[in-house]
């Protein structure tokens, strides 16, 4: 079985609500069901290939951080 590929976008700037726990929960739930899972973090300035993932996750952030992320995504 191919692993579920999760892209965790901007974890260092978009983690206002402790969103890493959501990623850990997804990993745990997959593991309990025998679903292999991989998580790759994508930060500011990193290339993003959306086709490389089955699911993209982005946490919450302050307005300033959201602007940085929006600019990075637009690039």
Protein backbone atom coordinates (compact mmCIF):
# COMPACT_ATOMS: atom_id res chain seq x y z
CA UNK A 1 0.00 0.00 0.00
CA UNK A 2 1.32 3.42 -0.97
CA UNK A 3 1.65 5.80 1.99
CA UNK A 4 -0.69 8.72 2.47
CA UNK A 5 1.50 11.74 1.71
CA UNK A 6 0.77 14.79 3.86
CA UNK A 7 2.34 18.17 3.15
CA UNK A 8 2.50 20.27 6.30
CA UNK A 9 2.75 23.84 5.05
CA UNK A 10 4.61 26.54 6.96
CA UNK A 11 4.71 24.87 10.37
CA UNK A 12 7.11 27.44 11.84
CA UNK A 13 4.94 30.47 11.03
CA UNK A 14 1.43 28.99 10.88
CA UNK A 15 1.16 27.24 14.23
CA UNK A 16 -0.96 29.65 16.24
CA UNK A 17 -3.21 26.95 17.67
CA UNK A 18 -0.71 24.16 18.25
CA UNK A 19 -1.47 22.68 14.84
CA UNK A 20 1.34 20.14 15.09
CA UNK A 21 -0.99 18.16 17.34
CA UNK A 22 -3.43 17.87 14.41
CA UNK A 23 -0.67 16.38 12.26
CA UNK A 24 0.31 13.93 15.01
CA UNK A 25 -3.35 12.95 15.38
CA UNK A 26 -3.63 12.25 11.63
CA UNK A 27 -0.48 10.13 11.78
CA UNK A 28 -1.76 8.17 14.77
CA UNK A 29 -5.18 7.53 13.24
CA UNK A 30 -3.59 6.29 10.02
CA UNK A 31 -1.19 4.02 11.90
CA UNK A 32 -4.05 2.51 13.92
CA UNK A 33 -5.76 1.61 10.66
CA UNK A 34 -2.63 0.18 9.06
CA UNK A 35 -2.31 3.08 6.61
CA UNK A 36 1.29 4.09 6.03
CA UNK A 37 1.76 7.85 6.23
CA UNK A 38 4.55 10.31 5.53
CA UNK A 39 4.63 13.96 6.55
CA UNK A 40 6.85 16.50 4.80
CA UNK A 41 7.20 20.02 6.12
CA UNK A 42 7.25 22.85 3.58
CA UNK A 43 8.53 26.19 4.84
CA UNK A 44 8.86 29.72 3.51
CA UNK A 45 11.00 29.71 0.38
CA UNK A 46 10.79 25.93 -0.07
CA UNK A 47 9.55 24.67 -3.43
CA UNK A 48 6.02 23.26 -3.32
CA UNK A 49 4.83 20.57 -5.69
CA UNK A 50 1.16 20.02 -4.77
CA UNK A 51 1.09 16.86 -6.87
CA UNK A 52 3.63 15.31 -4.50
CA UNK A 53 1.00 15.13 -1.75
CA UNK A 54 -2.38 13.56 -1.18
CA UNK A 55 -3.31 16.10 1.48
CA UNK A 56 -2.02 19.60 2.23
CA UNK A 57 -2.39 20.93 5.78
CA UNK A 58 -1.87 24.52 6.87
CA UNK A 59 -2.37 25.80 10.38
CA UNK A 60 -3.60 29.12 11.66
CA UNK A 61 -1.55 32.26 12.01
CA UNK A 62 -1.58 35.95 12.73
CA UNK A 63 -2.31 38.41 9.91
CA UNK A 64 1.39 39.22 9.44
CA UNK A 65 2.32 35.57 9.05
CA UNK A 66 -0.63 34.93 6.74
CA UNK A 67 0.62 37.74 4.48
CA UNK A 68 4.10 36.17 4.34
CA UNK A 69 2.60 32.79 3.48
CA UNK A 70 0.28 34.26 0.83
CA UNK A 71 3.24 36.02 -0.79
CA UNK A 72 5.28 32.81 -0.72
CA UNK A 73 2.45 30.76 -2.25
CA UNK A 74 1.90 33.37 -4.97
CA UNK A 75 5.60 33.10 -5.89
